[in-house]
Amino acid sequence: MSDDISGTPVVAGNLLYVTSFEVHALDVVTGRRQFKTRDVA
């Protein structure tokens, strides 16, 4: 992620969702990004 994290990170299932300029979903075990939005959060 190239921007600062904003908002409160949320865990749902096996994913950690964080917002910067986009929404990123990270695997809670590996830390790898599973996906990110292409729209502004």
N, C-alpha and C. Protein backbone atom coordinates (compact mmCIF):
# COMPACT_ATOMS: atom_id res chain seq x y z
N MET A 1 0.84 -1.17 0.00
CA MET A 1 0.00 0.00 0.00
C MET A 1 0.89 1.23 0.00
N SER A 2 0.55 2.15 -0.84
CA SER A 2 1.38 3.34 -0.96
C SER A 2 0.86 4.51 -0.14
N ASP A 3 -0.37 4.43 0.35
CA ASP A 3 -0.96 5.52 1.13
C ASP A 3 -1.07 5.12 2.59
N ASP A 4 -1.27 6.11 3.46
CA ASP A 4 -1.48 5.84 4.87
C ASP A 4 -2.80 5.10 5.07
N ILE A 5 -2.85 4.28 6.10
CA ILE A 5 -4.08 3.58 6.45
C ILE A 5 -5.01 4.56 7.14
N SER A 6 -6.27 4.53 6.75
CA SER A 6 -7.27 5.37 7.40
C SER A 6 -8.41 4.47 7.87
N GLY A 7 -9.13 4.90 8.86
CA GLY A 7 -10.21 4.08 9.38
C GLY A 7 -9.69 2.99 10.29
N THR A 8 -10.59 2.12 10.72
CA THR A 8 -10.26 1.02 11.62
C THR A 8 -10.17 -0.28 10.84
N PRO A 9 -9.05 -0.99 10.93
CA PRO A 9 -8.96 -2.29 10.26
C PRO A 9 -10.01 -3.25 10.82
N VAL A 10 -10.53 -4.13 9.95
CA VAL A 10 -11.58 -5.07 10.34
C VAL A 10 -11.19 -6.47 9.89
N VAL A 11 -11.37 -7.45 10.78
CA VAL A 11 -11.15 -8.85 10.42
C VAL A 11 -12.50 -9.50 10.20
N ALA A 12 -12.65 -10.17 9.06
CA ALA A 12 -13.86 -10.94 8.75
C ALA A 12 -13.41 -12.24 8.11
N GLY A 13 -13.73 -13.34 8.76
CA GLY A 13 -13.25 -14.63 8.24
C GLY A 13 -11.75 -14.68 8.35
N ASN A 14 -11.09 -15.00 7.26
CA ASN A 14 -9.63 -15.08 7.23
C ASN A 14 -8.99 -13.86 6.58
N LEU A 15 -9.75 -12.78 6.46
CA LEU A 15 -9.23 -11.59 5.81
C LEU A 15 -9.24 -10.38 6.73
N LEU A 16 -8.19 -9.58 6.60
CA LEU A 16 -8.09 -8.29 7.29
C LEU A 16 -8.32 -7.22 6.25
N TYR A 17 -9.32 -6.38 6.47
CA TYR A 17 -9.64 -5.30 5.55
C TYR A 17 -9.10 -3.99 6.10
N VAL A 18 -8.33 -3.29 5.28
CA VAL A 18 -7.81 -1.98 5.66
C VAL A 18 -8.10 -1.01 4.53
N THR A 19 -8.26 0.25 4.89
CA THR A 19 -8.52 1.27 3.87
C THR A 19 -7.37 2.26 3.83
N SER A 20 -7.03 2.63 2.64
CA SER A 20 -6.11 3.73 2.39
C SER A 20 -6.84 4.55 1.34
N PHE A 21 -6.29 4.66 0.17
CA PHE A 21 -7.03 5.29 -0.93
C PHE A 21 -7.98 4.28 -1.53
N GLU A 22 -7.68 3.00 -1.33
CA GLU A 22 -8.48 1.87 -1.79
C GLU A 22 -8.74 0.95 -0.60
N VAL A 23 -9.55 -0.08 -0.79
CA VAL A 23 -9.75 -1.09 0.25
C VAL A 23 -8.88 -2.29 -0.11
N HIS A 24 -8.09 -2.74 0.86
CA HIS A 24 -7.21 -3.88 0.68
C HIS A 24 -7.68 -5.01 1.58
N ALA A 25 -7.64 -6.23 1.08
CA ALA A 25 -7.97 -7.41 1.88
C ALA A 25 -6.71 -8.26 1.99
N LEU A 26 -6.24 -8.46 3.22
CA LEU A 26 -5.02 -9.20 3.47
C LEU A 26 -5.33 -10.51 4.18
N ASP A 27 -4.66 -11.59 3.79
CA ASP A 27 -4.81 -12.87 4.45
C ASP A 27 -4.23 -12.75 5.86
N VAL A 28 -5.00 -13.15 6.89
CA VAL A 28 -4.53 -12.97 8.27
C VAL A 28 -3.38 -13.90 8.63
N VAL A 29 -3.22 -15.00 7.91
CA VAL A 29 -2.14 -15.94 8.21
C VAL A 29 -0.85 -15.55 7.50
N THR A 30 -0.94 -15.28 6.21
CA THR A 30 0.27 -15.03 5.42
C THR A 30 0.61 -13.54 5.29
N GLY A 31 -0.40 -12.67 5.46
CA GLY A 31 -0.19 -11.24 5.26
C GLY A 31 -0.24 -10.83 3.80
N ARG A 32 -0.43 -11.79 2.91
CA ARG A 32 -0.48 -11.46 1.48
C ARG A 32 -1.81 -10.81 1.13
N ARG A 33 -1.73 -9.85 0.22
CA ARG A 33 -2.95 -9.19 -0.24
C ARG A 33 -3.72 -10.15 -1.13
N GLN A 34 -5.00 -10.32 -0.83
CA GLN A 34 -5.87 -11.17 -1.63
C GLN A 34 -6.52 -10.39 -2.77
N PHE A 35 -6.88 -9.16 -2.46
CA PHE A 35 -7.41 -8.28 -3.50
C PHE A 35 -7.43 -6.85 -2.99
N LYS A 36 -7.65 -5.92 -3.89
CA LYS A 36 -7.87 -4.52 -3.54
C LYS A 36 -8.91 -3.97 -4.49
N THR A 37 -9.61 -2.95 -4.04
CA THR A 37 -10.60 -2.32 -4.90
C THR A 37 -9.90 -1.42 -5.90
N ARG A 38 -10.57 -1.10 -6.94
CA ARG A 38 -10.06 -0.13 -7.91
C ARG A 38 -10.77 1.20 -7.76
N ASP A 39 -11.76 1.22 -6.88
CA ASP A 39 -12.52 2.43 -6.62
C ASP A 39 -11.99 3.10 -5.36
N VAL A 40 -12.19 4.37 -5.25
CA VAL A 40 -11.80 5.11 -4.05
C VAL A 40 -12.70 4.71 -2.90
N ALA A 41 -12.09 4.42 -1.78
CA ALA A 41 -12.87 4.02 -0.59
C ALA A 41 -13.51 5.22 0.06
